[in-house]
Amino acid sequence: MEAFELKRKSLYSWAAVQDTYYSTKDTFERHKVVFTIGTSISSVATAWLGYSIRHYHESKVDRRLESIEKAYYSPYLKT
């Protein structure tokens, strides 16, 4: 009796996995255009964000280097 129940539960579980797979596949196929546009927009947004962060970091580094340069040369300019 136990083996039969175990086999039945495994078959139900496998059927549930297959149903989930086909349902997900169907959803993706029906909304292919939406997903394509969405991923394109998110890709552009990610690239823009990365560029903005890099630009901000570079400007901070440049300001810091300028302040170090000023501090280094200021004693020589006073004399």
PDB file of N, CA and C in Angstrom:
ATOM      1  N   MET A   1       0.828  -1.203   0.000  1.00  0.00           N
ATOM      2  CA  MET A   1       0.000   0.000   0.000  1.00  0.00           C
ATOM      3  C   MET A   1       0.869   1.263   0.000  1.00  0.00           C
ATOM      4  N   GLU A   2       1.955   1.270   0.733  1.00  0.00           N
ATOM      5  CA  GLU A   2       2.814   2.443   0.796  1.00  0.00           C
ATOM      6  C   GLU A   2       3.459   2.752  -0.539  1.00  0.00           C
ATOM      7  N   ALA A   3       3.914   1.738  -1.239  1.00  0.00           N
ATOM      8  CA  ALA A   3       4.561   1.933  -2.531  1.00  0.00           C
ATOM      9  C   ALA A   3       3.580   2.552  -3.531  1.00  0.00           C
ATOM     10  N   PHE A   4       2.338   2.105  -3.495  1.00  0.00           N
ATOM     11  CA  PHE A   4       1.331   2.644  -4.404  1.00  0.00           C
ATOM     12  C   PHE A   4       1.094   4.134  -4.126  1.00  0.00           C
ATOM     13  N   GLU A   5       0.988   4.503  -2.846  1.00  0.00           N
ATOM     14  CA  GLU A   5       0.762   5.909  -2.479  1.00  0.00           C
ATOM     15  C   GLU A   5       1.954   6.762  -2.875  1.00  0.00           C
ATOM     16  N   LEU A   6       3.149   6.233  -2.670  1.00  0.00           N
ATOM     17  CA  LEU A   6       4.354   6.975  -3.036  1.00  0.00           C
ATOM     18  C   LEU A   6       4.406   7.205  -4.550  1.00  0.00           C
ATOM     19  N   LYS A   7       4.062   6.180  -5.308  1.00  0.00           N
ATOM     20  CA  LYS A   7       4.046   6.308  -6.767  1.00  0.00           C
ATOM     21  C   LYS A   7       2.976   7.301  -7.203  1.00  0.00           C
ATOM     22  N   ARG A   8       1.819   7.259  -6.591  1.00  0.00           N
ATOM     23  CA  ARG A   8       0.732   8.180  -6.929  1.00  0.00           C
ATOM     24  C   ARG A   8       1.135   9.622  -6.626  1.00  0.00           C
ATOM     25  N   LYS A   9       1.755   9.833  -5.450  1.00  0.00           N
ATOM     26  CA  LYS A   9       2.190  11.188  -5.088  1.00  0.00           C
ATOM     27  C   LYS A   9       3.262  11.691  -6.040  1.00  0.00           C
ATOM     28  N   SER A  10       4.172  10.807  -6.434  1.00  0.00           N
ATOM     29  CA  SER A  10       5.223  11.237  -7.353  1.00  0.00           C
ATOM     30  C   SER A  10       4.640  11.581  -8.719  1.00  0.00           C
ATOM     31  N   LEU A  11       3.648  10.818  -9.164  1.00  0.00           N
ATOM     32  CA  LEU A  11       3.006  11.139 -10.444  1.00  0.00           C
ATOM     33  C   LEU A  11       2.265  12.466 -10.377  1.00  0.00           C
ATOM     34  N   TYR A  12       1.578  12.736  -9.262  1.00  0.00           N
ATOM     35  CA  TYR A  12       0.896  14.020  -9.085  1.00  0.00           C
ATOM     36  C   TYR A  12       1.902  15.170  -9.045  1.00  0.00           C
ATOM     37  N   SER A  13       3.011  14.939  -8.366  1.00  0.00           N
ATOM     38  CA  SER A  13       4.046  15.975  -8.289  1.00  0.00           C
ATOM     39  C   SER A  13       4.613  16.261  -9.672  1.00  0.00           C
ATOM     40  N   TRP A  14       4.889  15.210 -10.433  1.00  0.00           N
ATOM     41  CA  TRP A  14       5.424  15.390 -11.779  1.00  0.00           C
ATOM     42  C   TRP A  14       4.415  16.108 -12.667  1.00  0.00           C
ATOM     43  N   ALA A  15       3.156  15.776 -12.540  1.00  0.00           N
ATOM     44  CA  ALA A  15       2.114  16.449 -13.318  1.00  0.00           C
ATOM     45  C   ALA A  15       2.040  17.929 -12.941  1.00  0.00           C
ATOM     46  N   ALA A  16       2.200  18.237 -11.668  1.00  0.00           N
ATOM     47  CA  ALA A  16       2.171  19.633 -11.222  1.00  0.00           C
ATOM     48  C   ALA A  16       3.366  20.397 -11.791  1.00  0.00           C
ATOM     49  N   VAL A  17       4.528  19.758 -11.809  1.00  0.00           N
ATOM     50  CA  VAL A  17       5.724  20.402 -12.377  1.00  0.00           C
ATOM     51  C   VAL A  17       5.506  20.673 -13.863  1.00  0.00           C
ATOM     52  N   GLN A  18       4.966  19.696 -14.582  1.00  0.00           N
ATOM     53  CA  GLN A  18       4.706  19.886 -16.004  1.00  0.00           C
ATOM     54  C   GLN A  18       3.671  20.977 -16.248  1.00  0.00           C
ATOM     55  N   ASP A  19       2.617  21.009 -15.440  1.00  0.00           N
ATOM     56  CA  ASP A  19       1.603  22.058 -15.588  1.00  0.00           C
ATOM     57  C   ASP A  19       2.218  23.442 -15.378  1.00  0.00           C
ATOM     58  N   THR A  20       3.051  23.546 -14.354  1.00  0.00           N
ATOM     59  CA  THR A  20       3.706  24.827 -14.072  1.00  0.00           C
ATOM     60  C   THR A  20       4.604  25.232 -15.231  1.00  0.00           C
ATOM     61  N   TYR A  21       5.373  24.284 -15.748  1.00  0.00           N
ATOM     62  CA  TYR A  21       6.268  24.566 -16.870  1.00  0.00           C
ATOM     63  C   TYR A  21       5.481  25.057 -18.084  1.00  0.00           C
ATOM     64  N   TYR A  22       4.446  24.337 -18.464  1.00  0.00           N
ATOM     65  CA  TYR A  22       3.678  24.720 -19.649  1.00  0.00           C
ATOM     66  C   TYR A  22       2.926  26.031 -19.451  1.00  0.00           C
ATOM     67  N   SER A  23       2.465  26.256 -18.246  1.00  0.00           N
ATOM     68  CA  SER A  23       1.785  27.518 -17.957  1.00  0.00           C
ATOM     69  C   SER A  23       2.754  28.691 -18.076  1.00  0.00           C
ATOM     70  N   THR A  24       3.945  28.524 -17.511  1.00  0.00           N
ATOM     71  CA  THR A  24       4.965  29.579 -17.588  1.00  0.00           C
ATOM     72  C   THR A  24       5.393  29.801 -19.027  1.00  0.00           C
ATOM     73  N   LYS A  25       5.606  28.718 -19.759  1.00  0.00           N
ATOM     74  CA  LYS A  25       5.994  28.816 -21.164  1.00  0.00           C
ATOM     75  C   LYS A  25       4.924  29.551 -21.957  1.00  0.00           C
ATOM     76  N   ASP A  26       3.676  29.233 -21.718  1.00  0.00           N
ATOM     77  CA  ASP A  26       2.573  29.876 -22.420  1.00  0.00           C
ATOM     78  C   ASP A  26       2.520  31.372 -22.105  1.00  0.00           C
ATOM     79  N   THR A  27       2.709  31.707 -20.836  1.00  0.00           N
ATOM     80  CA  THR A  27       2.705  33.119 -20.436  1.00  0.00           C
ATOM     81  C   THR A  27       3.809  33.878 -21.141  1.00  0.00           C
ATOM     82  N   PHE A  28       5.018  33.308 -21.175  1.00  0.00           N
ATOM     83  CA  PHE A  28       6.127  33.979 -21.848  1.00  0.00           C
ATOM     84  C   PHE A  28       5.868  34.124 -23.345  1.00  0.00           C
ATOM     85  N   GLU A  29       5.302  33.110 -23.964  1.00  0.00           N
ATOM     86  CA  GLU A  29       5.037  33.194 -25.398  1.00  0.00           C
ATOM     87  C   GLU A  29       3.957  34.224 -25.718  1.00  0.00           C
ATOM     88  N   ARG A  30       2.955  34.333 -24.862  1.00  0.00           N
ATOM     89  CA  ARG A  30       1.888  35.307 -25.114  1.00  0.00           C
ATOM     90  C   ARG A  30       2.363  36.739 -24.884  1.00  0.00           C
ATOM     91  N   HIS A  31       3.346  36.916 -24.018  1.00  0.00           N
ATOM     92  CA  HIS A  31       3.816  38.262 -23.683  1.00  0.00           C
ATOM     93  C   HIS A  31       5.246  38.499 -24.171  1.00  0.00           C
ATOM     94  N   LYS A  32       5.609  37.857 -25.257  1.00  0.00           N
ATOM     95  CA  LYS A  32       6.976  37.944 -25.775  1.00  0.00           C
ATOM     96  C   LYS A  32       7.380  39.390 -26.079  1.00  0.00           C
ATOM     97  N   VAL A  33       6.502  40.144 -26.706  1.00  0.00           N
ATOM     98  CA  VAL A  33       6.810  41.535 -27.074  1.00  0.00           C
ATOM     99  C   VAL A  33       7.007  42.384 -25.822  1.00  0.00           C
ATOM    100  N   VAL A  34       6.149  42.187 -24.850  1.00  0.00           N
ATOM    101  CA  VAL A  34       6.256  42.958 -23.607  1.00  0.00           C
ATOM    102  C   VAL A  34       7.574  42.661 -22.914  1.00  0.00           C
ATOM    103  N   PHE A  35       7.952  41.391 -22.848  1.00  0.00           N
ATOM    104  CA  PHE A  35       9.210  41.033 -22.202  1.00  0.00           C
ATOM    105  C   PHE A  35      10.409  41.563 -22.980  1.00  0.00           C
ATOM    106  N   THR A  36      10.320  41.535 -24.308  1.00  0.00           N
ATOM    107  CA  THR A  36      11.425  42.047 -25.131  1.00  0.00           C
ATOM    108  C   THR A  36      11.606  43.544 -24.911  1.00  0.00           C
ATOM    109  N   ILE A  37      10.518  44.275 -24.947  1.00  0.00           N
ATOM    110  CA  ILE A  37      10.598  45.725 -24.730  1.00  0.00           C
ATOM    111  C   ILE A  37      11.047  46.024 -23.297  1.00  0.00           C
ATOM    112  N   GLY A  38      10.514  45.283 -22.343  1.00  0.00           N
ATOM    113  CA  GLY A  38      10.891  45.493 -20.945  1.00  0.00           C
ATOM    114  C   GLY A  38      12.365  45.242 -20.695  1.00  0.00           C
ATOM    115  N   THR A  39      12.889  44.173 -21.270  1.00  0.00           N
ATOM    116  CA  THR A  39      14.320  43.897 -21.066  1.00  0.00           C
ATOM    117  C   THR A  39      15.179  44.917 -21.790  1.00  0.00           C
ATOM    118  N   SER A  40      14.734  45.401 -22.937  1.00  0.00           N
ATOM    119  CA  SER A  40      15.490  46.443 -23.640  1.00  0.00           C
ATOM    120  C   SER A  40      15.533  47.722 -22.820  1.00  0.00           C
ATOM    121  N   ILE A  41      14.404  48.113 -22.281  1.00  0.00           N
ATOM    122  CA  ILE A  41      14.353  49.331 -21.457  1.00  0.00           C
ATOM    123  C   ILE A  41      15.216  49.167 -20.207  1.00  0.00           C
ATOM    124  N   SER A  42      15.126  48.016 -19.557  1.00  0.00           N
ATOM    125  CA  SER A  42      15.933  47.818 -18.346  1.00  0.00           C
ATOM    126  C   SER A  42      17.417  47.775 -18.682  1.00  0.00           C
ATOM    127  N   SER A  43      17.780  47.268 -19.845  1.00  0.00           N
ATOM    128  CA  SER A  43      19.178  47.249 -20.262  1.00  0.00           C
ATOM    129  C   SER A  43      19.703  48.668 -20.469  1.00  0.00           C
ATOM    130  N   VAL A  44      18.905  49.490 -21.137  1.00  0.00           N
ATOM    131  CA  VAL A  44      19.295  50.889 -21.349  1.00  0.00           C
ATOM    132  C   VAL A  44      19.398  51.620 -20.016  1.00  0.00           C
ATOM    133  N   ALA A  45      18.439  51.393 -19.133  1.00  0.00           N
ATOM    134  CA  ALA A  45      18.459  52.052 -17.826  1.00  0.00           C
ATOM    135  C   ALA A  45      19.683  51.627 -17.012  1.00  0.00           C
ATOM    136  N   THR A  46      20.031  50.357 -17.073  1.00  0.00           N
ATOM    137  CA  THR A  46      21.204  49.870 -16.347  1.00  0.00           C
ATOM    138  C   THR A  46      22.483  50.487 -16.907  1.00  0.00           C
ATOM    139  N   ALA A  47      22.579  50.561 -18.231  1.00  0.00           N
ATOM    140  CA  ALA A  47      23.761  51.179 -18.844  1.00  0.00           C
ATOM    141  C   ALA A  47      23.870  52.649 -18.459  1.00  0.00           C
ATOM    142  N   TRP A  48      22.742  53.359 -18.494  1.00  0.00           N
ATOM    143  CA  TRP A  48      22.749  54.778 -18.115  1.00  0.00           C
ATOM    144  C   TRP A  48      23.144  54.955 -16.659  1.00  0.00           C
ATOM    145  N   LEU A  49      22.613  54.104 -15.788  1.00  0.00           N
ATOM    146  CA  LEU A  49      22.957  54.189 -14.373  1.00  0.00           C
ATOM    147  C   LEU A  49      24.445  53.918 -14.161  1.00  0.00           C
ATOM    148  N   GLY A  50      24.988  52.911 -14.831  1.00  0.00           N
ATOM    149  CA  GLY A  50      26.413  52.612 -14.715  1.00  0.00           C
ATOM    150  C   GLY A  50      27.266  53.767 -15.193  1.00  0.00           C
ATOM    151  N   TYR A  51      26.879  54.371 -16.311  1.00  0.00           N
ATOM    152  CA  TYR A  51      27.604  55.524 -16.824  1.00  0.00           C
ATOM    153  C   TYR A  51      27.546  56.686 -15.840  1.00  0.00           C
ATOM    154  N   SER A  52      26.372  56.938 -15.281  1.00  0.00           N
ATOM    155  CA  SER A  52      26.217  58.051 -14.342  1.00  0.00           C
ATOM    156  C   SER A  52      27.063  57.848 -13.094  1.00  0.00           C
ATOM    157  N   ILE A  53      27.065  56.641 -12.569  1.00  0.00           N
ATOM    158  CA  ILE A  53      27.873  56.355 -11.375  1.00  0.00           C
ATOM    159  C   ILE A  53      29.352  56.511 -11.684  1.00  0.00           C
ATOM    160  N   ARG A  54      29.781  56.009 -12.850  1.00  0.00           N
ATOM    161  CA  ARG A  54      31.193  56.133 -13.224  1.00  0.00           C
ATOM    162  C   ARG A  54      31.581  57.597 -13.398  1.00  0.00           C
ATOM    163  N   HIS A  55      30.723  58.380 -14.048  1.00  0.00           N
ATOM    164  CA  HIS A  55      31.000  59.803 -14.245  1.00  0.00           C
ATOM    165  C   HIS A  55      31.086  60.530 -12.900  1.00  0.00           C
ATOM    166  N   TYR A  56      30.174  60.234 -11.986  1.00  0.00           N
ATOM    167  CA  TYR A  56      30.192  60.843 -10.664  1.00  0.00           C
ATOM    168  C   TYR A  56      31.489  60.488  -9.925  1.00  0.00           C
ATOM    169  N   HIS A  57      31.880  59.219  -9.995  1.00  0.00           N
ATOM    170  CA  HIS A  57      33.099  58.775  -9.323  1.00  0.00           C
ATOM    171  C   HIS A  57      34.332  59.468  -9.910  1.00  0.00           C
ATOM    172  N   GLU A  58      34.386  59.554 -11.244  1.00  0.00           N
ATOM    173  CA  GLU A  58      35.521  60.210 -11.881  1.00  0.00           C
ATOM    174  C   GLU A  58      35.610  61.682 -11.493  1.00  0.00           C
ATOM    175  N   SER A  59      34.490  62.364 -11.391  1.00  0.00           N
ATOM    176  CA  SER A  59      34.513  63.776 -11.001  1.00  0.00           C
ATOM    177  C   SER A  59      34.976  63.929  -9.553  1.00  0.00           C
ATOM    178  N   LYS A  60      34.579  62.992  -8.674  1.00  0.00           N
ATOM    179  CA  LYS A  60      35.062  63.035  -7.292  1.00  0.00           C
ATOM    180  C   LYS A  60      36.568  62.809  -7.235  1.00  0.00           C
ATOM    181  N   VAL A  61      37.057  61.861  -8.022  1.00  0.00           N
ATOM    182  CA  VAL A  61      38.499  61.589  -8.049  1.00  0.00           C
ATOM    183  C   VAL A  61      39.248  62.799  -8.580  1.00  0.00           C
ATOM    184  N   ASP A  62      38.730  63.432  -9.634  1.00  0.00           N
ATOM    185  CA  ASP A  62      39.382  64.631 -10.185  1.00  0.00           C
ATOM    186  C   ASP A  62      39.432  65.759  -9.163  1.00  0.00           C
ATOM    187  N   ARG A  63      38.334  65.986  -8.455  1.00  0.00           N
ATOM    188  CA  ARG A  63      38.333  67.037  -7.426  1.00  0.00           C
ATOM    189  C   ARG A  63      39.347  66.726  -6.327  1.00  0.00           C
ATOM    190  N   ARG A  64      39.418  65.465  -5.934  1.00  0.00           N
ATOM    191  CA  ARG A  64      40.366  65.076  -4.883  1.00  0.00           C
ATOM    192  C   ARG A  64      41.808  65.262  -5.354  1.00  0.00           C
ATOM    193  N   LEU A  65      42.077  64.873  -6.601  1.00  0.00           N
ATOM    194  CA  LEU A  65      43.427  65.056  -7.137  1.00  0.00           C
ATOM    195  C   LEU A  65      43.788  66.538  -7.228  1.00  0.00           C
ATOM    196  N   GLU A  66      42.850  67.377  -7.610  1.00  0.00           N
ATOM    197  CA  GLU A  66      43.106  68.818  -7.662  1.00  0.00           C
ATOM    198  C   GLU A  66      43.413  69.374  -6.280  1.00  0.00           C
ATOM    199  N   SER A  67      42.666  68.922  -5.269  1.00  0.00           N
ATOM    200  CA  SER A  67      42.930  69.425  -3.916  1.00  0.00           C
ATOM    201  C   SER A  67      44.292  68.947  -3.416  1.00  0.00           C
ATOM    202  N   ILE A  68      44.688  67.735  -3.757  1.00  0.00           N
ATOM    203  CA  ILE A  68      46.010  67.236  -3.374  1.00  0.00           C
ATOM    204  C   ILE A  68      47.089  68.040  -4.083  1.00  0.00           C
ATOM    205  N   GLU A  69      46.856  68.328  -5.362  1.00  0.00           N
ATOM    206  CA  GLU A  69      47.818  69.111  -6.134  1.00  0.00           C
ATOM    207  C   GLU A  69      47.963  70.514  -5.558  1.00  0.00           C
ATOM    208  N   LYS A  70      46.856  71.137  -5.197  1.00  0.00           N
ATOM    209  CA  LYS A  70      46.902  72.475  -4.597  1.00  0.00           C
ATOM    210  C   LYS A  70      47.654  72.439  -3.276  1.00  0.00           C
ATOM    211  N   ALA A  71      47.380  71.450  -2.453  1.00  0.00           N
ATOM    212  CA  ALA A  71      48.060  71.339  -1.156  1.00  0.00           C
ATOM    213  C   ALA A  71      49.549  71.091  -1.355  1.00  0.00           C
ATOM    214  N   TYR A  72      49.915  70.382  -2.384  1.00  0.00           N
ATOM    215  CA  TYR A  72      51.316  70.068  -2.628  1.00  0.00           C
ATOM    216  C   TYR A  72      52.074  71.287  -3.120  1.00  0.00           C
ATOM    217  N   TYR A  73      51.469  72.071  -4.013  1.00  0.00           N
ATOM    218  CA  TYR A  73      52.155  73.215  -4.600  1.00  0.00           C
ATOM    219  C   TYR A  73      51.964  74.507  -3.834  1.00  0.00           C
ATOM    220  N   SER A  74      51.053  74.590  -2.911  1.00  0.00           N
ATOM    221  CA  SER A  74      50.780  75.863  -2.224  1.00  0.00           C
ATOM    222  C   SER A  74      51.962  76.375  -1.421  1.00  0.00           C
ATOM    223  N   PRO A  75      52.775  75.560  -0.739  1.00  0.00           N
ATOM    224  CA  PRO A  75      53.924  76.131  -0.037  1.00  0.00           C
ATOM    225  C   PRO A  75      54.923  76.760  -1.002  1.00  0.00           C
ATOM    226  N   TYR A  76      55.037  76.242  -2.193  1.00  0.00           N
ATOM    227  CA  TYR A  76      55.983  76.778  -3.167  1.00  0.00           C
ATOM    228  C   TYR A  76      55.481  78.065  -3.772  1.00  0.00           C
ATOM    229  N   LEU A  77      54.187  78.228  -3.858  1.00  0.00           N
ATOM    230  CA  LEU A  77      53.630  79.448  -4.431  1.00  0.00           C
ATOM    231  C   LEU A  77      53.718  80.617  -3.460  1.00  0.00           C
ATOM    232  N   LYS A  78      53.753  80.361  -2.152  1.00  0.00           N
ATOM    233  CA  LYS A  78      53.777  81.419  -1.147  1.00  0.00           C
ATOM    234  C   LYS A  78      55.158  82.069  -1.058  1.00  0.00           C
ATOM    235  N   THR A  79      56.193  81.378  -1.403  1.00  0.00           N
ATOM    236  CA  THR A  79      57.531  81.939  -1.254  1.00  0.00           C
ATOM    237  C   THR A  79      57.998  82.689  -2.455  1.00  0.00           C
TER     238      THR A  79
END
